[in-house]
Amino acid sequence: MFEIDQRVEHGAKLDTSTTMLYGNGAWRSEVRDRYGTLARTSEGCVAAELIGDLLANLRDARWQTSAGDPACHTDDKRFTVYTWHARRVFTARRCGDKLDRDSRHVLDQVEYQAHVPALDDARMDCTNPLARGCH
């Protein structure tokens, strides 16, 4: 139903992960090491009282983007692809397009509820407690 793929540019030797959130509230994450070998898995369920609102928020998200800062430059090899019902809705890159505020908030909620893993060199900004890795 909703998939969060933490990927890397071709040739980069960094960990990756895939997290799936299903319509019944179940979630499952798989982390692969820099060689592509399954390193760990985790799974669980979003609280029953939260899943209805979470899915409605995903359904109603606008997924509107605006151009990122053209002066931004980075050598970061990591990016995240968000897919809703097999349709790519957003690709997050450190210096890429920016997602509208409401849709970004929905992604933060999903990442928090589905326990999206922080990877080996993830830079965490925990000023927002819903941000990935700030559990």
Foldseek 3Di string as FASTA:
>chain_A
DKKKKKDFAPPDQAKIKIKDADLQFKIKMWIAGSVRHTDDMDIDGQPPVCSVVLVVLVVPFPLDWDFFDPVDDDPGGIKMWMDDPNHTSDIDDPRGIDTDPSVVVSVLQCLQRRQPAQTDPRDDDCPPCSHRPND
